[in-house]
PDB file of all heavy atoms in Angstrom:
ATOM      1  N   ASN A   1      16.397   8.945 -17.867  1.00  0.00           N
ATOM      2  CA  ASN A   1      15.573   8.978 -19.102  1.00  0.00           C
ATOM      3  C   ASN A   1      14.198   8.404 -18.784  1.00  0.00           C
ATOM      4  O   ASN A   1      14.073   7.319 -18.322  1.00  0.00           O
ATOM      5  CB  ASN A   1      16.237   8.124 -20.225  1.00  0.00           C
ATOM      6  CG  ASN A   1      15.493   8.308 -21.648  1.00  0.00           C
ATOM      7  OD1 ASN A   1      14.310   8.581 -21.675  1.00  0.00           O
ATOM      8  ND2 ASN A   1      16.289   8.127 -22.598  1.00  0.00           N
ATOM      9  N   ALA A   2      13.205   9.249 -19.121  1.00  0.00           N
ATOM     10  CA  ALA A   2      11.792   8.826 -18.668  1.00  0.00           C
ATOM     11  C   ALA A   2      11.382   7.532 -19.503  1.00  0.00           C
ATOM     12  O   ALA A   2      10.408   6.902 -19.201  1.00  0.00           O
ATOM     13  CB  ALA A   2      10.810   9.949 -18.964  1.00  0.00           C
ATOM     14  N   PHE A   3      12.016   7.299 -20.672  1.00  0.00           N
ATOM     15  CA  PHE A   3      11.615   6.153 -21.611  1.00  0.00           C
ATOM     16  C   PHE A   3      12.327   4.964 -21.269  1.00  0.00           C
ATOM     17  O   PHE A   3      12.162   3.934 -22.000  1.00  0.00           O
ATOM     18  CB  PHE A   3      11.709   6.617 -23.010  1.00  0.00           C
ATOM     19  CG  PHE A   3      10.804   7.740 -23.352  1.00  0.00           C
ATOM     20  CD1 PHE A   3      11.326   9.033 -23.406  1.00  0.00           C
ATOM     21  CD2 PHE A   3       9.537   7.570 -23.637  1.00  0.00           C
ATOM     22  CE1 PHE A   3      10.519  10.129 -23.736  1.00  0.00           C
ATOM     23  CE2 PHE A   3       8.693   8.573 -23.952  1.00  0.00           C
ATOM     24  CZ  PHE A   3       9.219   9.923 -24.005  1.00  0.00           C
ATOM     25  N   VAL A   4      13.195   5.008 -20.243  1.00  0.00           N
ATOM     26  CA  VAL A   4      13.940   3.804 -19.848  1.00  0.00           C
ATOM     27  C   VAL A   4      13.385   3.259 -18.527  1.00  0.00           C
ATOM     28  O   VAL A   4      13.298   4.058 -17.527  1.00  0.00           O
ATOM     29  CB  VAL A   4      15.408   4.174 -19.754  1.00  0.00           C
ATOM     30  CG1 VAL A   4      16.204   2.898 -19.253  1.00  0.00           C
ATOM     31  CG2 VAL A   4      15.992   4.610 -21.022  1.00  0.00           C
ATOM     32  N   ILE A   5      13.088   2.009 -18.483  1.00  0.00           N
ATOM     33  CA  ILE A   5      12.578   1.439 -17.221  1.00  0.00           C
ATOM     34  C   ILE A   5      13.714   0.981 -16.289  1.00  0.00           C
ATOM     35  O   ILE A   5      14.515   0.191 -16.741  1.00  0.00           O
ATOM     36  CB  ILE A   5      11.709   0.151 -17.547  1.00  0.00           C
ATOM     37  CG1 ILE A   5      10.503   0.541 -18.409  1.00  0.00           C
ATOM     38  CG2 ILE A   5      11.285  -0.422 -16.193  1.00  0.00           C
ATOM     39  CD1 ILE A   5       9.642  -0.584 -18.820  1.00  0.00           C
ATOM     40  N   ASP A   6      13.812   1.746 -15.220  1.00  0.00           N
ATOM     41  CA  ASP A   6      14.909   1.415 -14.244  1.00  0.00           C
ATOM     42  C   ASP A   6      14.221   0.728 -12.972  1.00  0.00           C
ATOM     43  O   ASP A   6      13.604   1.441 -12.178  1.00  0.00           O
ATOM     44  CB  ASP A   6      15.548   2.703 -13.858  1.00  0.00           C
ATOM     45  CG  ASP A   6      16.787   2.481 -12.921  1.00  0.00           C
ATOM     46  OD1 ASP A   6      17.036   1.309 -12.577  1.00  0.00           O
ATOM     47  OD2 ASP A   6      17.536   3.432 -12.614  1.00  0.00           O
ATOM     48  N   ARG A   7      14.340  -0.554 -13.027  1.00  0.00           N
ATOM     49  CA  ARG A   7      13.669  -1.265 -11.854  1.00  0.00           C
ATOM     50  C   ARG A   7      14.384  -1.261 -10.570  1.00  0.00           C
ATOM     51  O   ARG A   7      13.889  -1.641  -9.567  1.00  0.00           O
ATOM     52  CB  ARG A   7      13.446  -2.787 -12.364  1.00  0.00           C
ATOM     53  CG  ARG A   7      12.659  -2.943 -13.457  1.00  0.00           C
ATOM     54  CD  ARG A   7      12.396  -4.364 -13.818  1.00  0.00           C
ATOM     55  NE  ARG A   7      11.612  -4.537 -15.005  1.00  0.00           N
ATOM     56  CZ  ARG A   7      10.326  -4.419 -15.147  1.00  0.00           C
ATOM     57  NH1 ARG A   7       9.596  -4.113 -14.004  1.00  0.00           N
ATOM     58  NH2 ARG A   7       9.750  -4.613 -16.285  1.00  0.00           N
ATOM     59  N   ALA A   8      15.681  -0.687 -10.630  1.00  0.00           N
ATOM     60  CA  ALA A   8      16.424  -0.704  -9.311  1.00  0.00           C
ATOM     61  C   ALA A   8      16.200   0.703  -8.597  1.00  0.00           C
ATOM     62  O   ALA A   8      15.817   0.712  -7.455  1.00  0.00           O
ATOM     63  CB  ALA A   8      17.925  -0.838  -9.716  1.00  0.00           C
ATOM     64  N   ASN A   9      16.415   1.746  -9.396  1.00  0.00           N
ATOM     65  CA  ASN A   9      16.195   3.076  -8.785  1.00  0.00           C
ATOM     66  C   ASN A   9      14.861   3.637  -9.287  1.00  0.00           C
ATOM     67  O   ASN A   9      14.699   4.101 -10.411  1.00  0.00           O
ATOM     68  CB  ASN A   9      17.302   4.038  -9.128  1.00  0.00           C
ATOM     69  CG  ASN A   9      18.611   3.543  -8.665  1.00  0.00           C
ATOM     70  OD1 ASN A   9      19.035   3.811  -7.409  1.00  0.00           O
ATOM     71  ND2 ASN A   9      19.509   2.953  -9.520  1.00  0.00           N
ATOM     72  N   THR A  10      13.843   3.417  -8.445  1.00  0.00           N
ATOM     73  CA  THR A  10      12.448   3.714  -8.886  1.00  0.00           C
ATOM     74  C   THR A  10      11.831   4.684  -7.883  1.00  0.00           C
ATOM     75  O   THR A  10      11.984   4.611  -6.695  1.00  0.00           O
ATOM     76  CB  THR A  10      11.599   2.429  -8.846  1.00  0.00           C
ATOM     77  OG1 THR A  10      12.292   1.501  -9.660  1.00  0.00           O
ATOM     78  CG2 THR A  10      10.224   2.730  -9.451  1.00  0.00           C
ATOM     79  N   ARG A  11      11.083   5.735  -8.425  1.00  0.00           N
ATOM     80  CA  ARG A  11      10.328   6.657  -7.652  1.00  0.00           C
ATOM     81  C   ARG A  11       9.019   6.860  -8.496  1.00  0.00           C
ATOM     82  O   ARG A  11       8.985   7.245  -9.661  1.00  0.00           O
ATOM     83  CB  ARG A  11      11.076   7.934  -7.508  1.00  0.00           C
ATOM     84  CG  ARG A  11      12.247   7.768  -6.539  1.00  0.00           C
ATOM     85  CD  ARG A  11      13.129   9.076  -6.542  1.00  0.00           C
ATOM     86  NE  ARG A  11      13.700   9.228  -7.814  1.00  0.00           N
ATOM     87  CZ  ARG A  11      14.885   8.624  -8.207  1.00  0.00           C
ATOM     88  NH1 ARG A  11      15.526   7.792  -7.440  1.00  0.00           N
ATOM     89  NH2 ARG A  11      15.459   8.985  -9.386  1.00  0.00           N
ATOM     90  N   SER A  12       7.850   6.425  -7.825  1.00  0.00           N
ATOM     91  CA  SER A  12       6.625   6.643  -8.564  1.00  0.00           C
ATOM     92  C   SER A  12       5.498   6.940  -7.635  1.00  0.00           C
ATOM     93  O   SER A  12       5.549   6.565  -6.385  1.00  0.00           O
ATOM     94  CB  SER A  12       6.269   5.373  -9.350  1.00  0.00           C
ATOM     95  OG  SER A  12       6.059   4.287  -8.461  1.00  0.00           O
ATOM     96  N   LEU A  13       4.515   7.752  -7.973  1.00  0.00           N
ATOM     97  CA  LEU A  13       3.309   8.098  -7.216  1.00  0.00           C
ATOM     98  C   LEU A  13       2.192   8.091  -8.232  1.00  0.00           C
ATOM     99  O   LEU A  13       2.190   8.945  -9.192  1.00  0.00           O
ATOM    100  CB  LEU A  13       3.528   9.383  -6.506  1.00  0.00           C
ATOM    101  CG  LEU A  13       2.293   9.890  -5.786  1.00  0.00           C
ATOM    102  CD1 LEU A  13       1.954   8.921  -4.606  1.00  0.00           C
ATOM    103  CD2 LEU A  13       2.516  11.233  -5.253  1.00  0.00           C
ATOM    104  N   THR A  14       1.213   7.263  -8.012  1.00  0.00           N
ATOM    105  CA  THR A  14       0.114   7.223  -8.948  1.00  0.00           C
ATOM    106  C   THR A  14      -1.238   7.210  -8.191  1.00  0.00           C
ATOM    107  O   THR A  14      -1.263   6.688  -7.066  1.00  0.00           O
ATOM    108  CB  THR A  14       0.160   5.948  -9.857  1.00  0.00           C
ATOM    109  OG1 THR A  14       0.137   4.839  -9.024  1.00  0.00           O
ATOM    110  CG2 THR A  14       1.365   6.029 -10.682  1.00  0.00           C
ATOM    111  N   ALA A  15      -2.265   7.755  -8.798  1.00  0.00           N
ATOM    112  CA  ALA A  15      -3.621   7.715  -8.179  1.00  0.00           C
ATOM    113  C   ALA A  15      -4.581   7.737  -9.277  1.00  0.00           C
ATOM    114  O   ALA A  15      -4.368   8.321 -10.375  1.00  0.00           O
ATOM    115  CB  ALA A  15      -3.841   8.882  -7.288  1.00  0.00           C
ATOM    116  N   GLY A  16      -5.722   6.986  -9.104  1.00  0.00           N
ATOM    117  CA  GLY A  16      -6.751   7.045 -10.212  1.00  0.00           C
ATOM    118  C   GLY A  16      -7.923   6.242  -9.849  1.00  0.00           C
ATOM    119  O   GLY A  16      -7.939   5.577  -8.821  1.00  0.00           O
ATOM    120  N   LEU A  17      -9.009   6.382 -10.611  1.00  0.00           N
ATOM    121  CA  LEU A  17     -10.228   5.627 -10.350  1.00  0.00           C
ATOM    122  C   LEU A  17      -9.991   4.145 -10.868  1.00  0.00           C
ATOM    123  O   LEU A  17      -9.537   4.023 -11.982  1.00  0.00           O
ATOM    124  CB  LEU A  17     -11.427   6.247 -11.056  1.00  0.00           C
ATOM    125  CG  LEU A  17     -11.784   7.654 -10.565  1.00  0.00           C
ATOM    126  CD1 LEU A  17     -12.939   8.256 -11.361  1.00  0.00           C
ATOM    127  CD2 LEU A  17     -12.206   7.590  -9.071  1.00  0.00           C
ATOM    128  N   VAL A  18     -10.493   3.270 -10.091  1.00  0.00           N
ATOM    129  CA  VAL A  18     -10.334   1.860 -10.522  1.00  0.00           C
ATOM    130  C   VAL A  18     -11.728   1.134 -10.280  1.00  0.00           C
ATOM    131  O   VAL A  18     -12.542   1.607  -9.597  1.00  0.00           O
ATOM    132  CB  VAL A  18      -9.270   1.083  -9.684  1.00  0.00           C
ATOM    133  CG1 VAL A  18      -7.880   1.661  -9.974  1.00  0.00           C
ATOM    134  CG2 VAL A  18      -9.562   1.125  -8.236  1.00  0.00           C
ATOM    135  N   ALA A  19     -11.917   0.004 -10.988  1.00  0.00           N
ATOM    136  CA  ALA A  19     -13.138  -0.803 -10.807  1.00  0.00           C
ATOM    137  C   ALA A  19     -12.687  -2.290 -10.697  1.00  0.00           C
ATOM    138  O   ALA A  19     -11.800  -2.684 -11.490  1.00  0.00           O
ATOM    139  CB  ALA A  19     -14.046  -0.603 -11.976  1.00  0.00           C
ATOM    140  N   LYS A  20     -13.273  -2.917  -9.756  1.00  0.00           N
ATOM    141  CA  LYS A  20     -13.047  -4.361  -9.622  1.00  0.00           C
ATOM    142  C   LYS A  20     -14.344  -5.092  -9.759  1.00  0.00           C
ATOM    143  O   LYS A  20     -15.266  -4.863  -9.052  1.00  0.00           O
ATOM    144  CB  LYS A  20     -12.465  -4.561  -8.254  1.00  0.00           C
ATOM    145  CG  LYS A  20     -12.089  -6.061  -7.978  1.00  0.00           C
ATOM    146  CD  LYS A  20     -11.466  -6.279  -6.566  1.00  0.00           C
ATOM    147  CE  LYS A  20     -11.122  -7.697  -6.428  1.00  0.00           C
ATOM    148  NZ  LYS A  20     -10.569  -7.974  -4.992  1.00  0.00           N
ATOM    149  N   TRP A  21     -14.402  -5.990 -10.767  1.00  0.00           N
ATOM    150  CA  TRP A  21     -15.670  -6.608 -11.014  1.00  0.00           C
ATOM    151  C   TRP A  21     -15.403  -8.082 -11.241  1.00  0.00           C
ATOM    152  O   TRP A  21     -14.610  -8.566 -12.007  1.00  0.00           O
ATOM    153  CB  TRP A  21     -16.241  -6.004 -12.320  1.00  0.00           C
ATOM    154  CG  TRP A  21     -17.731  -6.335 -12.543  1.00  0.00           C
ATOM    155  CD1 TRP A  21     -18.514  -7.177 -11.812  1.00  0.00           C
ATOM    156  CD2 TRP A  21     -18.446  -5.918 -13.720  1.00  0.00           C
ATOM    157  NE1 TRP A  21     -19.744  -7.139 -12.354  1.00  0.00           N
ATOM    158  CE2 TRP A  21     -19.737  -6.474 -13.492  1.00  0.00           C
ATOM    159  CE3 TRP A  21     -18.250  -5.185 -14.750  1.00  0.00           C
ATOM    160  CZ2 TRP A  21     -20.765  -6.205 -14.354  1.00  0.00           C
ATOM    161  CZ3 TRP A  21     -19.293  -4.888 -15.657  1.00  0.00           C
ATOM    162  CH2 TRP A  21     -20.590  -5.400 -15.457  1.00  0.00           C
ATOM    163  N   SER A  22     -16.008  -8.907 -10.359  1.00  0.00           N
ATOM    164  CA  SER A  22     -15.967 -10.350 -10.546  1.00  0.00           C
ATOM    165  C   SER A  22     -17.045 -10.812 -11.525  1.00  0.00           C
ATOM    166  O   SER A  22     -18.212 -10.441 -11.408  1.00  0.00           O
ATOM    167  CB  SER A  22     -16.316 -11.049  -9.110  1.00  0.00           C
ATOM    168  OG  SER A  22     -16.370 -12.450  -9.312  1.00  0.00           O
ATOM    169  N   LEU A  23     -16.580 -11.593 -12.492  1.00  0.00           N
ATOM    170  CA  LEU A  23     -17.359 -11.992 -13.608  1.00  0.00           C
ATOM    171  C   LEU A  23     -17.979 -13.374 -13.280  1.00  0.00           C
ATOM    172  O   LEU A  23     -18.576 -14.028 -14.171  1.00  0.00           O
ATOM    173  CB  LEU A  23     -16.602 -12.075 -14.880  1.00  0.00           C
ATOM    174  CG  LEU A  23     -16.079 -10.781 -15.406  1.00  0.00           C
ATOM    175  CD1 LEU A  23     -15.380 -10.932 -16.719  1.00  0.00           C
ATOM    176  CD2 LEU A  23     -17.251  -9.777 -15.581  1.00  0.00           C
ATOM    177  N   ASP A  24     -17.942 -13.838 -12.000  1.00  0.00           N
ATOM    178  CA  ASP A  24     -18.577 -15.087 -11.601  1.00  0.00           C
ATOM    179  C   ASP A  24     -20.042 -14.890 -11.356  1.00  0.00           C
ATOM    180  O   ASP A  24     -20.680 -15.095 -10.278  1.00  0.00           O
ATOM    181  CB  ASP A  24     -17.887 -15.676 -10.310  1.00  0.00           C
ATOM    182  CG  ASP A  24     -18.441 -16.912  -9.929  1.00  0.00           C
ATOM    183  OD1 ASP A  24     -19.044 -17.655 -10.822  1.00  0.00           O
ATOM    184  OD2 ASP A  24     -18.297 -17.327  -8.784  1.00  0.00           O
ATOM    185  N   LEU A  25     -20.724 -14.340 -12.340  1.00  0.00           N
ATOM    186  CA  LEU A  25     -22.127 -13.999 -12.260  1.00  0.00           C
ATOM    187  C   LEU A  25     -23.012 -15.196 -12.185  1.00  0.00           C
ATOM    188  O   LEU A  25     -24.096 -15.165 -11.479  1.00  0.00           O
ATOM    189  CB  LEU A  25     -22.527 -13.166 -13.530  1.00  0.00           C
ATOM    190  CG  LEU A  25     -21.789 -11.880 -13.734  1.00  0.00           C
ATOM    191  CD1 LEU A  25     -22.216 -11.163 -14.963  1.00  0.00           C
ATOM    192  CD2 LEU A  25     -21.853 -10.986 -12.491  1.00  0.00           C
ATOM    193  N   TRP A  26     -22.626 -16.273 -12.794  1.00  0.00           N
ATOM    194  CA  TRP A  26     -23.441 -17.482 -12.763  1.00  0.00           C
ATOM    195  C   TRP A  26     -23.342 -18.034 -11.295  1.00  0.00           C
ATOM    196  O   TRP A  26     -24.390 -18.347 -10.742  1.00  0.00           O
ATOM    197  CB  TRP A  26     -22.819 -18.583 -13.669  1.00  0.00           C
ATOM    198  CG  TRP A  26     -23.764 -19.642 -13.996  1.00  0.00           C
ATOM    199  CD1 TRP A  26     -24.946 -19.939 -13.357  1.00  0.00           C
ATOM    200  CD2 TRP A  26     -23.585 -20.735 -15.012  1.00  0.00           C
ATOM    201  NE1 TRP A  26     -25.558 -21.066 -13.845  1.00  0.00           N
ATOM    202  CE2 TRP A  26     -24.683 -21.544 -14.797  1.00  0.00           C
ATOM    203  CE3 TRP A  26     -22.638 -21.007 -15.887  1.00  0.00           C
ATOM    204  CZ2 TRP A  26     -24.861 -22.719 -15.617  1.00  0.00           C
ATOM    205  CZ3 TRP A  26     -22.778 -22.122 -16.686  1.00  0.00           C
ATOM    206  CH2 TRP A  26     -23.895 -22.976 -16.528  1.00  0.00           C
ATOM    207  N   GLY A  27     -22.141 -18.193 -10.791  1.00  0.00           N
ATOM    208  CA  GLY A  27     -22.064 -18.617  -9.352  1.00  0.00           C
ATOM    209  C   GLY A  27     -22.783 -17.598  -8.359  1.00  0.00           C
ATOM    210  O   GLY A  27     -23.379 -18.153  -7.381  1.00  0.00           O
ATOM    211  N   ASN A  28     -22.709 -16.376  -8.649  1.00  0.00           N
ATOM    212  CA  ASN A  28     -23.338 -15.407  -7.740  1.00  0.00           C
ATOM    213  C   ASN A  28     -24.850 -15.601  -7.775  1.00  0.00           C
ATOM    214  O   ASN A  28     -25.512 -15.319  -6.769  1.00  0.00           O
ATOM    215  CB  ASN A  28     -22.986 -13.959  -8.170  1.00  0.00           C
ATOM    216  CG  ASN A  28     -23.337 -12.941  -7.161  1.00  0.00           C
ATOM    217  OD1 ASN A  28     -22.731 -12.871  -6.045  1.00  0.00           O
ATOM    218  ND2 ASN A  28     -24.423 -12.156  -7.331  1.00  0.00           N
ATOM    219  N   SER A  29     -25.423 -16.070  -8.898  1.00  0.00           N
ATOM    220  CA  SER A  29     -26.819 -16.232  -8.942  1.00  0.00           C
ATOM    221  C   SER A  29     -27.300 -17.332  -7.951  1.00  0.00           C
ATOM    222  O   SER A  29     -28.292 -17.210  -7.303  1.00  0.00           O
ATOM    223  CB  SER A  29     -27.289 -16.648 -10.379  1.00  0.00           C
ATOM    224  OG  SER A  29     -26.751 -17.923 -10.780  1.00  0.00           O
ATOM    225  N   TYR A  30     -26.412 -18.426  -7.787  1.00  0.00           N
ATOM    226  CA  TYR A  30     -26.700 -19.385  -6.864  1.00  0.00           C
ATOM    227  C   TYR A  30     -26.508 -18.820  -5.408  1.00  0.00           C
ATOM    228  O   TYR A  30     -27.288 -19.262  -4.467  1.00  0.00           O
ATOM    229  CB  TYR A  30     -25.847 -20.585  -7.111  1.00  0.00           C
ATOM    230  CG  TYR A  30     -26.182 -21.335  -8.358  1.00  0.00           C
ATOM    231  CD1 TYR A  30     -25.363 -21.338  -9.449  1.00  0.00           C
ATOM    232  CD2 TYR A  30     -27.403 -22.036  -8.499  1.00  0.00           C
ATOM    233  CE1 TYR A  30     -25.694 -21.900 -10.625  1.00  0.00           C
ATOM    234  CE2 TYR A  30     -27.680 -22.668  -9.706  1.00  0.00           C
ATOM    235  CZ  TYR A  30     -26.861 -22.606 -10.741  1.00  0.00           C
ATOM    236  OH  TYR A  30     -27.155 -23.207 -11.866  1.00  0.00           O
ATOM    237  N   ARG A  31     -25.567 -18.039  -5.202  1.00  0.00           N
ATOM    238  CA  ARG A  31     -25.380 -17.474  -3.863  1.00  0.00           C
ATOM    239  C   ARG A  31     -26.589 -16.543  -3.493  1.00  0.00           C
ATOM    240  O   ARG A  31     -27.074 -16.614  -2.310  1.00  0.00           O
ATOM    241  CB  ARG A  31     -24.054 -16.612  -3.825  1.00  0.00           C
ATOM    242  CG  ARG A  31     -22.798 -17.486  -3.858  1.00  0.00           C
ATOM    243  CD  ARG A  31     -21.555 -16.652  -3.583  1.00  0.00           C
ATOM    244  NE  ARG A  31     -21.236 -15.788  -4.657  1.00  0.00           N
ATOM    245  CZ  ARG A  31     -20.498 -16.094  -5.686  1.00  0.00           C
ATOM    246  NH1 ARG A  31     -20.000 -17.347  -5.687  1.00  0.00           N
ATOM    247  NH2 ARG A  31     -20.217 -15.310  -6.680  1.00  0.00           N
ATOM    248  N   ALA A  32     -27.129 -15.813  -4.420  1.00  0.00           N
ATOM    249  CA  ALA A  32     -28.282 -14.954  -4.199  1.00  0.00           C
ATOM    250  C   ALA A  32     -29.564 -15.901  -3.879  1.00  0.00           C
ATOM    251  O   ALA A  32     -30.313 -15.583  -2.954  1.00  0.00           O
ATOM    252  CB  ALA A  32     -28.555 -14.088  -5.364  1.00  0.00           C
ATOM    253  N   LYS A  33     -29.586 -16.988  -4.597  1.00  0.00           N
ATOM    254  CA  LYS A  33     -30.721 -17.955  -4.441  1.00  0.00           C
ATOM    255  C   LYS A  33     -30.686 -18.565  -3.054  1.00  0.00           C
ATOM    256  O   LYS A  33     -31.681 -18.664  -2.377  1.00  0.00           O
ATOM    257  CB  LYS A  33     -30.708 -18.970  -5.531  1.00  0.00           C
ATOM    258  CG  LYS A  33     -31.864 -19.988  -5.449  1.00  0.00           C
ATOM    259  CD  LYS A  33     -31.815 -20.964  -6.592  1.00  0.00           C
ATOM    260  CE  LYS A  33     -32.931 -21.923  -6.504  1.00  0.00           C
ATOM    261  NZ  LYS A  33     -32.885 -22.949  -7.614  1.00  0.00           N
ATOM    262  N   ARG A  34     -29.433 -18.826  -2.660  1.00  0.00           N
ATOM    263  CA  ARG A  34     -29.212 -19.477  -1.364  1.00  0.00           C
ATOM    264  C   ARG A  34     -29.594 -18.518  -0.276  1.00  0.00           C
ATOM    265  O   ARG A  34     -30.281 -18.881   0.740  1.00  0.00           O
ATOM    266  CB  ARG A  34     -27.889 -19.996  -1.268  1.00  0.00           C
ATOM    267  CG  ARG A  34     -27.509 -20.673   0.120  1.00  0.00           C
ATOM    268  CD  ARG A  34     -26.077 -21.046   0.264  1.00  0.00           C
ATOM    269  NE  ARG A  34     -25.195 -19.940   0.180  1.00  0.00           N
ATOM    270  CZ  ARG A  34     -23.970 -19.903   0.020  1.00  0.00           C
ATOM    271  NH1 ARG A  34     -23.337 -21.097  -0.170  1.00  0.00           N
ATOM    272  NH2 ARG A  34     -23.162 -18.891  -0.023  1.00  0.00           N
ATOM    273  N   SER A  35     -29.119 -17.247  -0.379  1.00  0.00           N
ATOM    274  CA  SER A  35     -29.357 -16.310   0.693  1.00  0.00           C
ATOM    275  C   SER A  35     -30.879 -15.983   0.785  1.00  0.00           C
ATOM    276  O   SER A  35     -31.361 -15.817   1.942  1.00  0.00           O
ATOM    277  CB  SER A  35     -28.587 -15.028   0.387  1.00  0.00           C
ATOM    278  OG  SER A  35     -28.921 -14.433  -0.806  1.00  0.00           O
ATOM    279  N   ASN A  36     -31.524 -15.949  -0.344  1.00  0.00           N
ATOM    280  CA  ASN A  36     -33.010 -15.688  -0.266  1.00  0.00           C
ATOM    281  C   ASN A  36     -33.757 -16.859   0.446  1.00  0.00           C
ATOM    282  O   ASN A  36     -34.646 -16.652   1.092  1.00  0.00           O
ATOM    283  CB  ASN A  36     -33.499 -15.394  -1.643  1.00  0.00           C
ATOM    284  CG  ASN A  36     -33.069 -14.137  -2.311  1.00  0.00           C
ATOM    285  OD1 ASN A  36     -32.827 -13.137  -1.575  1.00  0.00           O
ATOM    286  ND2 ASN A  36     -32.966 -13.999  -3.599  1.00  0.00           N
ATOM    287  N   ALA A  37     -33.344 -17.974   0.102  1.00  0.00           N
ATOM    288  CA  ALA A  37     -33.913 -19.245   0.652  1.00  0.00           C
ATOM    289  C   ALA A  37     -33.684 -19.248   2.175  1.00  0.00           C
ATOM    290  O   ALA A  37     -34.609 -19.544   2.990  1.00  0.00           O
ATOM    291  CB  ALA A  37     -33.399 -20.521   0.039  1.00  0.00           C
ATOM    292  N   LEU A  38     -32.501 -18.872   2.666  1.00  0.00           N
ATOM    293  CA  LEU A  38     -32.196 -18.814   4.096  1.00  0.00           C
ATOM    294  C   LEU A  38     -33.018 -17.821   4.783  1.00  0.00           C
ATOM    295  O   LEU A  38     -33.460 -17.987   5.971  1.00  0.00           O
ATOM    296  CB  LEU A  38     -30.659 -18.571   4.334  1.00  0.00           C
ATOM    297  CG  LEU A  38     -29.755 -19.629   3.918  1.00  0.00           C
ATOM    298  CD1 LEU A  38     -28.313 -19.203   4.061  1.00  0.00           C
ATOM    299  CD2 LEU A  38     -30.067 -20.960   4.816  1.00  0.00           C
ATOM    300  N   PHE A  39     -33.221 -16.575   4.094  1.00  0.00           N
ATOM    301  CA  PHE A  39     -34.094 -15.552   4.673  1.00  0.00           C
ATOM    302  C   PHE A  39     -35.532 -16.081   4.852  1.00  0.00           C
ATOM    303  O   PHE A  39     -36.127 -15.832   5.917  1.00  0.00           O
ATOM    304  CB  PHE A  39     -34.097 -14.353   3.745  1.00  0.00           C
ATOM    305  CG  PHE A  39     -34.984 -13.231   4.236  1.00  0.00           C
ATOM    306  CD1 PHE A  39     -34.706 -12.410   5.255  1.00  0.00           C
ATOM    307  CD2 PHE A  39     -36.300 -13.086   3.612  1.00  0.00           C
ATOM    308  CE1 PHE A  39     -35.549 -11.439   5.702  1.00  0.00           C
ATOM    309  CE2 PHE A  39     -37.123 -12.107   4.078  1.00  0.00           C
ATOM    310  CZ  PHE A  39     -36.710 -11.301   5.068  1.00  0.00           C
ATOM    311  N   GLU A  40     -36.028 -16.751   3.873  1.00  0.00           N
ATOM    312  CA  GLU A  40     -37.439 -17.267   3.971  1.00  0.00           C
ATOM    313  C   GLU A  40     -37.531 -18.337   5.024  1.00  0.00           C
ATOM    314  O   GLU A  40     -38.487 -18.506   5.673  1.00  0.00           O
ATOM    315  CB  GLU A  40     -37.932 -17.744   2.580  1.00  0.00           C
ATOM    316  CG  GLU A  40     -38.012 -16.638   1.571  1.00  0.00           C
ATOM    317  CD  GLU A  40     -38.461 -17.181   0.233  1.00  0.00           C
ATOM    318  OE1 GLU A  40     -38.491 -18.455   0.099  1.00  0.00           O
ATOM    319  OE2 GLU A  40     -38.571 -16.382  -0.711  1.00  0.00           O
ATOM    320  N   GLN A  41     -36.380 -19.181   5.117  1.00  0.00           N
ATOM    321  CA  GLN A  41     -36.396 -20.230   6.143  1.00  0.00           C
ATOM    322  C   GLN A  41     -36.454 -19.567   7.530  1.00  0.00           C
ATOM    323  O   GLN A  41     -37.223 -20.045   8.385  1.00  0.00           O
ATOM    324  CB  GLN A  41     -35.101 -21.045   6.043  1.00  0.00           C
ATOM    325  CG  GLN A  41     -34.963 -22.040   7.149  1.00  0.00           C
ATOM    326  CD  GLN A  41     -33.495 -22.624   7.158  1.00  0.00           C
ATOM    327  OE1 GLN A  41     -32.757 -22.395   6.307  1.00  0.00           O
ATOM    328  NE2 GLN A  41     -33.296 -23.467   8.045  1.00  0.00           N
ATOM    329  N   THR A  42     -35.651 -18.515   7.799  1.00  0.00           N
ATOM    330  CA  THR A  42     -35.698 -17.900   9.137  1.00  0.00           C
ATOM    331  C   THR A  42     -37.034 -17.240   9.336  1.00  0.00           C
ATOM    332  O   THR A  42     -37.546 -17.230  10.581  1.00  0.00           O
ATOM    333  CB  THR A  42     -34.561 -16.847   9.139  1.00  0.00           C
ATOM    334  OG1 THR A  42     -33.351 -17.430   8.787  1.00  0.00           O
ATOM    335  CG2 THR A  42     -34.378 -16.241  10.553  1.00  0.00           C
ATOM    336  N   LEU A  43     -37.661 -16.673   8.314  1.00  0.00           N
ATOM    337  CA  LEU A  43     -38.956 -16.073   8.511  1.00  0.00           C
ATOM    338  C   LEU A  43     -39.977 -17.164   8.890  1.00  0.00           C
ATOM    339  O   LEU A  43     -40.820 -16.920   9.839  1.00  0.00           O
ATOM    340  CB  LEU A  43     -39.483 -15.403   7.177  1.00  0.00           C
ATOM    341  CG  LEU A  43     -40.769 -14.576   7.233  1.00  0.00           C
ATOM    342  CD1 LEU A  43     -40.566 -13.472   8.161  1.00  0.00           C
ATOM    343  CD2 LEU A  43     -41.049 -14.096   5.842  1.00  0.00           C
ATOM    344  N   ALA A  44     -39.914 -18.328   8.271  1.00  0.00           N
ATOM    345  CA  ALA A  44     -40.822 -19.370   8.684  1.00  0.00           C
ATOM    346  C   ALA A  44     -40.505 -19.855  10.124  1.00  0.00           C
ATOM    347  O   ALA A  44     -41.480 -20.264  10.872  1.00  0.00           O
ATOM    348  CB  ALA A  44     -40.731 -20.540   7.761  1.00  0.00           C
TER     349      ALA A  44
END
């Protein structure tokens, strides 16, 4: 029965588009700031 979940005898094949998005945008702003500062440091 397709409407019964059988966790023992299972056969499945799935494919689809996915998106993975980290919402640590605040922390990423500091990472970007640090990387830009390191670039300018190396340039100097």
